[in-house]
N, C-alpha and C. Protein backbone atom coordinates (compact mmCIF):
# COMPACT_ATOMS: atom_id res chain seq x y z
N MET A 1 -17.96 17.15 -19.20
CA MET A 1 -18.32 16.33 -18.06
C MET A 1 -17.15 16.29 -17.07
N LYS A 2 -17.44 16.55 -15.81
CA LYS A 2 -16.43 16.49 -14.76
C LYS A 2 -16.15 15.02 -14.43
N LEU A 3 -14.87 14.66 -14.37
CA LEU A 3 -14.49 13.29 -14.06
C LEU A 3 -14.15 13.16 -12.58
N ASN A 4 -14.46 12.01 -12.00
CA ASN A 4 -14.11 11.76 -10.60
C ASN A 4 -12.70 11.15 -10.52
N LYS A 5 -12.26 10.87 -9.32
CA LYS A 5 -10.92 10.34 -9.09
C LYS A 5 -10.66 9.07 -9.89
N HIS A 6 -11.57 8.13 -9.84
CA HIS A 6 -11.38 6.85 -10.53
C HIS A 6 -11.32 7.05 -12.04
N GLN A 7 -12.18 7.89 -12.57
CA GLN A 7 -12.19 8.14 -14.00
C GLN A 7 -10.89 8.80 -14.46
N LEU A 8 -10.41 9.77 -13.69
CA LEU A 8 -9.14 10.43 -14.05
C LEU A 8 -7.98 9.45 -14.01
N ILE A 9 -7.96 8.58 -13.02
CA ILE A 9 -6.89 7.58 -12.93
C ILE A 9 -6.94 6.64 -14.14
N LEU A 10 -8.13 6.22 -14.50
CA LEU A 10 -8.25 5.34 -15.66
C LEU A 10 -7.80 6.04 -16.94
N ARG A 11 -8.25 7.28 -17.13
CA ARG A 11 -7.91 8.01 -18.35
C ARG A 11 -6.43 8.41 -18.40
N ASP A 12 -5.93 9.00 -17.29
CA ASP A 12 -4.59 9.60 -17.30
C ASP A 12 -3.47 8.64 -16.96
N ILE A 13 -3.79 7.53 -16.31
CA ILE A 13 -2.73 6.59 -15.93
C ILE A 13 -2.90 5.25 -16.65
N ALA A 14 -4.01 4.57 -16.43
CA ALA A 14 -4.18 3.24 -17.03
C ALA A 14 -4.15 3.29 -18.56
N CYS A 15 -4.91 4.21 -19.14
CA CYS A 15 -4.97 4.28 -20.61
C CYS A 15 -3.72 4.89 -21.24
N GLN A 16 -2.88 5.49 -20.44
CA GLN A 16 -1.63 6.07 -20.95
C GLN A 16 -0.42 5.18 -20.71
N HIS A 17 -0.44 4.39 -19.63
CA HIS A 17 0.79 3.70 -19.22
C HIS A 17 0.68 2.18 -19.10
N ILE A 18 -0.49 1.60 -19.28
CA ILE A 18 -0.63 0.14 -19.25
C ILE A 18 -1.04 -0.29 -20.66
N ASP A 19 -0.18 -1.07 -21.29
CA ASP A 19 -0.37 -1.42 -22.70
C ASP A 19 -1.75 -1.98 -23.02
N ARG A 20 -2.27 -2.87 -22.19
CA ARG A 20 -3.54 -3.51 -22.53
C ARG A 20 -4.73 -2.54 -22.46
N TYR A 21 -4.56 -1.37 -21.83
CA TYR A 21 -5.63 -0.38 -21.77
C TYR A 21 -5.36 0.84 -22.63
N ARG A 22 -4.20 0.88 -23.26
CA ARG A 22 -3.83 2.03 -24.08
C ARG A 22 -4.89 2.25 -25.18
N ASN A 23 -5.28 3.50 -25.34
CA ASN A 23 -6.28 3.90 -26.35
C ASN A 23 -7.65 3.23 -26.14
N SER A 24 -7.99 2.91 -24.89
CA SER A 24 -9.27 2.26 -24.60
C SER A 24 -10.26 3.17 -23.86
N TRP A 25 -9.92 4.43 -23.71
CA TRP A 25 -10.75 5.32 -22.91
C TRP A 25 -12.19 5.37 -23.41
N ASP A 26 -12.40 5.33 -24.70
CA ASP A 26 -13.77 5.41 -25.24
C ASP A 26 -14.66 4.29 -24.70
N ILE A 27 -14.09 3.13 -24.46
CA ILE A 27 -14.85 2.00 -23.91
C ILE A 27 -14.86 2.05 -22.38
N ILE A 28 -13.70 2.27 -21.80
CA ILE A 28 -13.54 2.24 -20.34
C ILE A 28 -14.39 3.30 -19.65
N GLN A 29 -14.52 4.47 -20.24
CA GLN A 29 -15.24 5.56 -19.57
C GLN A 29 -16.68 5.20 -19.21
N HIS A 30 -17.25 4.26 -19.93
CA HIS A 30 -18.63 3.86 -19.65
C HIS A 30 -18.71 2.72 -18.63
N HIS A 31 -17.56 2.13 -18.29
CA HIS A 31 -17.52 0.99 -17.37
C HIS A 31 -16.49 1.21 -16.26
N TRP A 32 -16.24 2.45 -15.90
CA TRP A 32 -15.18 2.78 -14.96
C TRP A 32 -15.38 2.14 -13.59
N ARG A 33 -16.58 1.85 -13.19
CA ARG A 33 -16.84 1.23 -11.88
C ARG A 33 -16.34 -0.21 -11.79
N ASP A 34 -16.06 -0.82 -12.93
CA ASP A 34 -15.62 -2.22 -12.97
C ASP A 34 -14.14 -2.40 -12.64
N PHE A 35 -13.41 -1.33 -12.45
CA PHE A 35 -11.96 -1.41 -12.31
C PHE A 35 -11.49 -1.13 -10.88
N ASN A 36 -10.46 -1.84 -10.46
CA ASN A 36 -9.77 -1.57 -9.20
C ASN A 36 -8.64 -0.58 -9.53
N VAL A 37 -8.96 0.70 -9.44
CA VAL A 37 -8.00 1.71 -9.91
C VAL A 37 -6.74 1.77 -9.05
N GLU A 38 -6.88 1.48 -7.76
CA GLU A 38 -5.69 1.49 -6.90
C GLU A 38 -4.67 0.46 -7.39
N HIS A 39 -5.15 -0.72 -7.74
CA HIS A 39 -4.24 -1.75 -8.23
C HIS A 39 -3.68 -1.39 -9.62
N LEU A 40 -4.47 -0.76 -10.45
CA LEU A 40 -3.97 -0.32 -11.75
C LEU A 40 -2.87 0.73 -11.59
N VAL A 41 -3.01 1.61 -10.61
CA VAL A 41 -1.94 2.59 -10.34
C VAL A 41 -0.68 1.87 -9.90
N GLU A 42 -0.82 0.87 -9.03
CA GLU A 42 0.35 0.08 -8.59
C GLU A 42 1.03 -0.59 -9.78
N GLN A 43 0.24 -1.19 -10.65
CA GLN A 43 0.80 -1.86 -11.83
C GLN A 43 1.52 -0.88 -12.75
N ALA A 44 0.87 0.23 -13.06
CA ALA A 44 1.46 1.22 -13.96
C ALA A 44 2.72 1.83 -13.36
N MET A 45 2.69 2.08 -12.06
CA MET A 45 3.85 2.67 -11.38
C MET A 45 5.06 1.75 -11.50
N ALA A 46 4.87 0.48 -11.17
CA ALA A 46 5.98 -0.48 -11.21
C ALA A 46 6.47 -0.69 -12.64
N GLU A 47 5.55 -0.82 -13.57
CA GLU A 47 5.93 -1.05 -14.97
C GLU A 47 6.73 0.13 -15.52
N LEU A 48 6.26 1.32 -15.28
CA LEU A 48 6.94 2.52 -15.77
C LEU A 48 8.23 2.80 -15.01
N GLY A 49 8.22 2.50 -13.70
CA GLY A 49 9.38 2.79 -12.86
C GLY A 49 10.52 1.79 -12.97
N GLY A 50 10.25 0.62 -13.52
CA GLY A 50 11.30 -0.36 -13.69
C GLY A 50 11.57 -1.22 -12.46
N TYR A 51 10.64 -1.28 -11.54
CA TYR A 51 10.75 -2.17 -10.38
C TYR A 51 9.55 -3.09 -10.41
N GLU A 52 9.52 -4.06 -9.53
CA GLU A 52 8.42 -5.03 -9.50
C GLU A 52 7.40 -4.66 -8.45
N PHE A 53 6.13 -4.91 -8.75
CA PHE A 53 5.08 -4.82 -7.74
C PHE A 53 5.09 -6.14 -6.99
N VAL A 54 5.47 -6.10 -5.71
CA VAL A 54 5.63 -7.33 -4.93
C VAL A 54 4.56 -7.49 -3.85
N ASP A 55 3.86 -6.42 -3.50
CA ASP A 55 2.81 -6.45 -2.48
C ASP A 55 3.27 -7.13 -1.20
N ALA A 56 4.43 -6.71 -0.70
CA ALA A 56 4.98 -7.27 0.53
C ALA A 56 4.28 -6.67 1.75
N HIS A 57 4.62 -7.18 2.91
CA HIS A 57 3.91 -6.81 4.14
C HIS A 57 4.05 -5.32 4.50
N HIS A 58 5.21 -4.71 4.27
CA HIS A 58 5.39 -3.30 4.64
C HIS A 58 5.71 -2.40 3.46
N TYR A 59 5.57 -2.90 2.24
CA TYR A 59 5.84 -2.10 1.04
C TYR A 59 5.20 -2.78 -0.17
N ASP A 60 4.99 -2.00 -1.24
CA ASP A 60 4.36 -2.52 -2.46
C ASP A 60 5.37 -2.95 -3.52
N ASN A 61 6.47 -2.22 -3.62
CA ASN A 61 7.38 -2.37 -4.74
C ASN A 61 8.73 -2.93 -4.32
N SER A 62 9.44 -3.53 -5.28
CA SER A 62 10.73 -4.15 -4.98
C SER A 62 11.79 -3.13 -4.55
N ASP A 63 11.54 -1.84 -4.74
CA ASP A 63 12.47 -0.80 -4.25
C ASP A 63 12.06 -0.31 -2.86
N TYR A 64 11.16 -1.02 -2.21
CA TYR A 64 10.64 -0.76 -0.86
C TYR A 64 9.71 0.44 -0.77
N SER A 65 9.30 1.00 -1.90
CA SER A 65 8.35 2.11 -1.86
C SER A 65 6.92 1.56 -1.83
N ASP A 66 5.99 2.44 -1.51
CA ASP A 66 4.58 2.08 -1.46
C ASP A 66 3.82 3.03 -2.38
N THR A 67 2.90 2.51 -3.15
CA THR A 67 2.10 3.31 -4.07
C THR A 67 0.75 3.59 -3.44
N LYS A 68 0.35 4.87 -3.44
CA LYS A 68 -0.89 5.28 -2.79
C LYS A 68 -1.72 6.16 -3.71
N THR A 69 -3.03 6.04 -3.59
CA THR A 69 -3.93 7.03 -4.17
C THR A 69 -4.55 7.79 -3.00
N ALA A 70 -4.86 9.05 -3.24
CA ALA A 70 -5.38 9.89 -2.16
C ALA A 70 -6.28 10.96 -2.78
N SER A 71 -6.93 11.71 -1.91
CA SER A 71 -7.84 12.77 -2.36
C SER A 71 -7.74 13.98 -1.44
N ILE A 72 -8.14 15.10 -2.00
CA ILE A 72 -8.35 16.31 -1.19
C ILE A 72 -9.84 16.37 -0.90
N ASN A 73 -10.20 16.48 0.36
CA ASN A 73 -11.60 16.56 0.76
C ASN A 73 -12.07 18.01 0.64
N THR A 74 -13.14 18.25 -0.08
CA THR A 74 -13.61 19.62 -0.28
C THR A 74 -14.26 20.20 0.97
N HIS A 75 -14.76 19.37 1.87
CA HIS A 75 -15.44 19.91 3.05
C HIS A 75 -14.47 20.50 4.07
N ASP A 76 -13.23 20.00 4.16
CA ASP A 76 -12.27 20.57 5.11
C ASP A 76 -10.93 20.94 4.48
N ARG A 77 -10.79 20.69 3.17
CA ARG A 77 -9.57 21.00 2.40
C ARG A 77 -8.34 20.24 2.90
N PHE A 78 -8.53 19.07 3.49
CA PHE A 78 -7.41 18.24 3.88
C PHE A 78 -7.10 17.23 2.77
N ALA A 79 -5.83 17.15 2.42
CA ALA A 79 -5.35 16.07 1.57
C ALA A 79 -5.00 14.93 2.52
N THR A 80 -5.45 13.74 2.20
CA THR A 80 -5.27 12.61 3.12
C THR A 80 -4.77 11.38 2.38
N VAL A 81 -3.67 10.82 2.89
CA VAL A 81 -3.17 9.54 2.42
C VAL A 81 -3.45 8.55 3.54
N GLY A 82 -4.21 7.51 3.25
CA GLY A 82 -4.57 6.53 4.26
C GLY A 82 -3.67 5.30 4.22
N SER A 83 -3.81 4.47 5.21
CA SER A 83 -3.12 3.17 5.30
C SER A 83 -1.61 3.30 5.22
N ILE A 84 -1.05 4.19 6.04
CA ILE A 84 0.41 4.30 6.07
C ILE A 84 1.02 3.31 7.07
N LEU A 85 0.15 2.62 7.80
CA LEU A 85 0.60 1.55 8.67
C LEU A 85 0.33 0.23 7.97
N SER A 86 1.13 -0.77 8.27
CA SER A 86 0.95 -2.08 7.65
C SER A 86 -0.37 -2.69 8.07
N ARG A 87 -0.73 -3.77 7.42
CA ARG A 87 -2.03 -4.41 7.66
C ARG A 87 -2.25 -4.78 9.12
N ASP A 88 -1.16 -5.05 9.84
CA ASP A 88 -1.31 -5.38 11.25
C ASP A 88 -1.69 -4.15 12.08
N GLY A 89 -1.59 -2.96 11.47
CA GLY A 89 -2.03 -1.74 12.13
C GLY A 89 -1.03 -1.08 13.03
N GLY A 90 0.17 -1.63 13.18
CA GLY A 90 1.10 -1.03 14.11
C GLY A 90 2.40 -0.53 13.52
N THR A 91 2.84 -1.11 12.42
CA THR A 91 4.14 -0.78 11.86
C THR A 91 3.97 0.12 10.65
N ALA A 92 4.72 1.22 10.62
CA ALA A 92 4.65 2.13 9.48
C ALA A 92 5.24 1.48 8.24
N LYS A 93 4.77 1.90 7.08
CA LYS A 93 5.34 1.44 5.81
C LYS A 93 6.84 1.68 5.85
N GLN A 94 7.61 0.82 5.19
CA GLN A 94 9.06 0.84 5.36
C GLN A 94 9.81 1.70 4.36
N GLY A 95 9.13 2.30 3.42
CA GLY A 95 9.86 3.08 2.42
C GLY A 95 9.16 4.36 2.04
N ASP A 96 9.58 4.88 0.91
CA ASP A 96 9.02 6.11 0.36
C ASP A 96 7.57 5.87 -0.08
N LEU A 97 6.81 6.96 -0.17
CA LEU A 97 5.44 6.88 -0.66
C LEU A 97 5.37 7.57 -2.02
N ARG A 98 4.77 6.87 -2.98
CA ARG A 98 4.52 7.42 -4.32
C ARG A 98 3.01 7.68 -4.37
N VAL A 99 2.63 8.95 -4.30
CA VAL A 99 1.23 9.32 -4.09
C VAL A 99 0.63 9.97 -5.34
N VAL A 100 -0.52 9.43 -5.76
CA VAL A 100 -1.34 10.03 -6.80
C VAL A 100 -2.52 10.67 -6.08
N LEU A 101 -2.59 11.99 -6.13
CA LEU A 101 -3.58 12.76 -5.37
C LEU A 101 -4.64 13.35 -6.29
N TYR A 102 -5.90 13.02 -6.02
CA TYR A 102 -7.01 13.60 -6.76
C TYR A 102 -7.29 14.99 -6.21
N ASN A 103 -7.28 15.99 -7.11
CA ASN A 103 -7.55 17.37 -6.72
C ASN A 103 -8.89 17.78 -7.33
N PRO A 104 -9.97 17.76 -6.52
CA PRO A 104 -11.30 18.09 -7.04
C PRO A 104 -11.49 19.57 -7.35
N TYR A 105 -10.60 20.42 -6.82
CA TYR A 105 -10.71 21.85 -7.09
C TYR A 105 -10.35 22.17 -8.54
N TYR A 106 -9.42 21.40 -9.09
CA TYR A 106 -8.98 21.64 -10.47
C TYR A 106 -9.20 20.43 -11.38
N ASP A 107 -9.94 19.45 -10.89
CA ASP A 107 -10.27 18.25 -11.68
C ASP A 107 -9.04 17.63 -12.34
N ARG A 108 -8.06 17.31 -11.50
CA ARG A 108 -6.83 16.73 -12.03
C ARG A 108 -6.19 15.84 -10.98
N LEU A 109 -5.16 15.13 -11.43
CA LEU A 109 -4.33 14.33 -10.54
C LEU A 109 -3.01 15.06 -10.32
N ASP A 110 -2.56 15.08 -9.08
CA ASP A 110 -1.25 15.63 -8.73
C ASP A 110 -0.40 14.49 -8.20
N TYR A 111 0.92 14.67 -8.23
CA TYR A 111 1.83 13.58 -7.92
C TYR A 111 2.86 14.03 -6.88
N TYR A 112 3.08 13.16 -5.90
CA TYR A 112 3.99 13.46 -4.80
C TYR A 112 4.89 12.26 -4.52
N PHE A 113 6.19 12.53 -4.47
CA PHE A 113 7.14 11.52 -4.04
C PHE A 113 7.58 11.91 -2.64
N MET A 114 7.16 11.13 -1.65
CA MET A 114 7.42 11.45 -0.24
C MET A 114 8.50 10.51 0.29
N PRO A 115 9.71 11.02 0.48
CA PRO A 115 10.77 10.17 1.04
C PRO A 115 10.39 9.70 2.44
N LYS A 116 10.82 8.53 2.80
CA LYS A 116 10.50 7.94 4.11
C LYS A 116 10.82 8.91 5.24
N ALA A 117 12.02 9.47 5.24
CA ALA A 117 12.41 10.38 6.33
C ALA A 117 11.52 11.61 6.37
N GLY A 118 11.03 12.06 5.23
CA GLY A 118 10.17 13.23 5.19
C GLY A 118 8.78 12.95 5.72
N TRP A 119 8.14 11.89 5.23
CA TRP A 119 6.77 11.65 5.68
C TRP A 119 6.73 11.17 7.12
N GLU A 120 7.76 10.49 7.57
CA GLU A 120 7.80 10.08 8.98
C GLU A 120 7.86 11.30 9.89
N SER A 121 8.52 12.37 9.42
CA SER A 121 8.69 13.56 10.26
C SER A 121 7.40 14.36 10.41
N ILE A 122 6.41 14.13 9.55
CA ILE A 122 5.16 14.90 9.64
C ILE A 122 3.95 14.03 9.98
N ARG A 123 4.18 12.75 10.21
CA ARG A 123 3.03 11.89 10.50
C ARG A 123 2.48 12.15 11.89
N GLU A 124 1.21 11.86 12.07
CA GLU A 124 0.54 12.08 13.35
C GLU A 124 0.50 10.78 14.13
N TYR A 125 0.58 10.88 15.44
CA TYR A 125 0.63 9.69 16.28
C TYR A 125 -0.60 9.52 17.15
N GLY A 126 -1.55 10.45 17.10
CA GLY A 126 -2.78 10.30 17.86
C GLY A 126 -3.60 9.14 17.36
N GLN A 127 -4.42 8.58 18.20
CA GLN A 127 -5.21 7.40 17.85
C GLN A 127 -6.09 7.61 16.62
N ALA A 128 -6.68 8.78 16.49
CA ALA A 128 -7.62 9.03 15.39
C ALA A 128 -6.94 9.11 14.02
N ASN A 129 -5.72 9.60 13.97
CA ASN A 129 -5.09 9.87 12.67
C ASN A 129 -3.76 9.14 12.46
N ARG A 130 -3.43 8.18 13.28
CA ARG A 130 -2.11 7.56 13.20
C ARG A 130 -1.90 6.73 11.94
N ASN A 131 -2.96 6.36 11.25
CA ASN A 131 -2.84 5.57 10.02
C ASN A 131 -2.97 6.45 8.77
N LYS A 132 -2.84 7.77 8.94
CA LYS A 132 -3.03 8.71 7.83
C LYS A 132 -1.92 9.75 7.82
N LEU A 133 -1.68 10.28 6.64
CA LEU A 133 -0.91 11.51 6.49
C LEU A 133 -1.90 12.56 6.04
N ARG A 134 -1.94 13.67 6.75
CA ARG A 134 -2.89 14.72 6.40
C ARG A 134 -2.15 16.04 6.26
N ALA A 135 -2.61 16.86 5.33
CA ALA A 135 -2.07 18.21 5.17
C ALA A 135 -3.15 19.09 4.58
N LYS A 136 -3.14 20.34 4.97
CA LYS A 136 -4.14 21.29 4.51
C LYS A 136 -3.81 21.74 3.08
N TYR A 137 -4.85 21.88 2.27
CA TYR A 137 -4.70 22.34 0.89
C TYR A 137 -5.23 23.77 0.77
N ASN A 138 -4.49 24.63 0.07
CA ASN A 138 -4.93 25.98 -0.20
C ASN A 138 -5.24 26.08 -1.70
N PRO A 139 -6.53 26.15 -2.08
CA PRO A 139 -6.87 26.18 -3.50
C PRO A 139 -6.44 27.47 -4.20
N ASP A 140 -6.33 28.57 -3.45
CA ASP A 140 -5.90 29.83 -4.07
C ASP A 140 -4.43 29.77 -4.48
N LEU A 141 -3.60 29.14 -3.66
CA LEU A 141 -2.18 28.97 -3.98
C LEU A 141 -1.92 27.66 -4.72
N ASP A 142 -2.93 26.79 -4.78
CA ASP A 142 -2.80 25.46 -5.37
C ASP A 142 -1.62 24.73 -4.73
N GLN A 143 -1.67 24.65 -3.41
CA GLN A 143 -0.55 24.06 -2.67
C GLN A 143 -1.04 23.25 -1.47
N VAL A 144 -0.47 22.06 -1.33
CA VAL A 144 -0.72 21.25 -0.15
C VAL A 144 0.41 21.56 0.84
N TYR A 145 0.05 22.22 1.94
CA TYR A 145 1.05 22.55 2.94
C TYR A 145 1.68 21.28 3.48
N LYS A 146 2.91 21.33 3.86
CA LYS A 146 3.71 20.21 4.38
C LYS A 146 4.12 19.22 3.29
N TRP A 147 3.50 19.27 2.11
CA TRP A 147 3.84 18.32 1.05
C TRP A 147 4.42 19.01 -0.19
N HIS A 148 4.31 20.33 -0.28
CA HIS A 148 4.62 21.02 -1.53
C HIS A 148 6.02 20.73 -2.05
N GLN A 149 6.99 20.49 -1.17
CA GLN A 149 8.37 20.24 -1.60
C GLN A 149 8.52 18.87 -2.27
N TRP A 150 7.53 18.00 -2.15
CA TRP A 150 7.60 16.65 -2.71
C TRP A 150 6.80 16.49 -4.00
N ARG A 151 6.19 17.56 -4.45
CA ARG A 151 5.37 17.47 -5.67
C ARG A 151 6.27 17.29 -6.90
N VAL A 152 5.85 16.39 -7.77
CA VAL A 152 6.56 16.18 -9.03
C VAL A 152 5.58 16.43 -10.17
N PRO A 153 6.08 16.80 -11.35
CA PRO A 153 5.17 17.25 -12.42
C PRO A 153 4.29 16.18 -13.05
N THR A 154 4.78 14.97 -13.20
CA THR A 154 4.02 13.98 -13.95
C THR A 154 4.05 12.61 -13.26
N PHE A 155 3.16 11.75 -13.71
CA PHE A 155 3.13 10.37 -13.23
C PHE A 155 4.45 9.67 -13.57
N LYS A 156 4.96 9.91 -14.75
CA LYS A 156 6.23 9.31 -15.16
C LYS A 156 7.36 9.75 -14.23
N ASP A 157 7.42 11.04 -13.91
CA ASP A 157 8.44 11.52 -12.97
C ASP A 157 8.31 10.83 -11.62
N LEU A 158 7.08 10.66 -11.17
CA LEU A 158 6.83 9.99 -9.89
C LEU A 158 7.33 8.55 -9.92
N ALA A 159 7.00 7.84 -10.98
CA ALA A 159 7.40 6.43 -11.09
C ALA A 159 8.92 6.27 -11.18
N LEU A 160 9.60 7.23 -11.80
CA LEU A 160 11.04 7.13 -12.02
C LEU A 160 11.89 7.69 -10.88
N MET A 161 11.27 8.27 -9.87
CA MET A 161 12.05 8.79 -8.74
C MET A 161 12.78 7.64 -8.06
N PRO A 162 14.09 7.78 -7.83
CA PRO A 162 14.82 6.69 -7.18
C PRO A 162 14.45 6.60 -5.70
N SER A 163 14.34 5.40 -5.23
CA SER A 163 14.01 5.17 -3.82
C SER A 163 15.12 5.70 -2.93
N THR A 164 14.73 6.22 -1.78
CA THR A 164 15.73 6.69 -0.80
C THR A 164 16.04 5.60 0.22
N VAL A 165 15.33 4.48 0.15
CA VAL A 165 15.50 3.39 1.10
C VAL A 165 16.14 2.21 0.36
N LYS A 166 17.30 1.77 0.84
CA LYS A 166 18.00 0.66 0.20
C LYS A 166 17.78 -0.67 0.92
N ASP A 167 17.35 -0.60 2.16
CA ASP A 167 17.08 -1.78 2.98
C ASP A 167 15.82 -1.47 3.78
N PRO A 168 14.84 -2.35 3.78
CA PRO A 168 13.58 -2.03 4.44
C PRO A 168 13.71 -1.82 5.95
N HIS A 169 14.82 -2.21 6.54
CA HIS A 169 14.99 -2.06 7.98
C HIS A 169 15.96 -0.96 8.35
N GLU A 170 16.41 -0.16 7.36
CA GLU A 170 17.43 0.85 7.63
C GLU A 170 16.89 2.07 8.36
N TYR A 171 15.61 2.37 8.17
CA TYR A 171 15.06 3.57 8.77
C TYR A 171 14.49 3.27 10.14
N LYS A 172 15.02 3.92 11.15
CA LYS A 172 14.53 3.74 12.51
C LYS A 172 13.78 5.00 12.91
N THR A 173 12.52 4.83 13.24
CA THR A 173 11.71 5.96 13.64
C THR A 173 12.15 6.46 15.00
N THR A 174 12.40 7.76 15.07
CA THR A 174 12.70 8.37 16.36
C THR A 174 11.72 9.51 16.58
N THR A 175 11.09 9.46 17.70
CA THR A 175 10.19 10.54 18.10
C THR A 175 10.82 11.22 19.30
N HIS A 176 10.27 12.33 19.69
CA HIS A 176 10.78 13.02 20.89
C HIS A 176 10.70 12.09 22.11
N PHE A 177 9.65 11.28 22.15
CA PHE A 177 9.47 10.36 23.27
C PHE A 177 10.58 9.32 23.31
N THR A 178 10.89 8.69 22.16
CA THR A 178 11.93 7.66 22.16
C THR A 178 13.31 8.28 22.35
N GLN A 179 13.50 9.52 21.92
CA GLN A 179 14.78 10.20 22.11
C GLN A 179 15.07 10.42 23.60
N LEU A 180 14.05 10.63 24.40
CA LEU A 180 14.24 10.80 25.84
C LEU A 180 14.92 9.60 26.46
N PHE A 181 14.53 8.41 26.03
CA PHE A 181 15.10 7.19 26.57
C PHE A 181 16.48 6.90 26.01
N GLU A 182 16.77 7.36 24.80
CA GLU A 182 18.09 7.16 24.23
C GLU A 182 19.12 8.04 24.92
N LEU A 183 18.70 9.19 25.45
CA LEU A 183 19.61 10.10 26.12
C LEU A 183 19.96 9.63 27.53
N ALA A 184 19.09 8.83 28.12
CA ALA A 184 19.30 8.41 29.51
C ALA A 184 20.43 7.42 29.66
């Protein structure tokens, strides 16, 4: 049986890394719709990574990183991470992104640690996509362009990656537009 994104997250993350769900897949697989898998990923990430899940305004974790789940869309082969702007819709997340990506081509989860400076450099600013990170996926090469350098082998590796942000206000976004005014 092919598993969907939520089922894979429950089996490979919640049942492996959250004590109260460990060895529960036989029961959970029949009730997978009852779970908030995004929150379970946040819990497992923080527990395994040794930081706290704080759910602050511009970050999820006490190390200023944000935990995300994402998918590759089979109709256009774009991998998409949503909600990279804070709830107010204008300010970008303040730290690194820890991304669990569902890959429907190979029925698995892939893991990406995206440093703040890296994902800021590839984010889109147009109205339609400003709250997303998007990159094209090549199933023949099994590679997400623009993200391949940030792929890590396991969920544990992802959780244990040290944050590159030590202060939530240390990173100042500079675009070509803002650089024009700094030069004047």
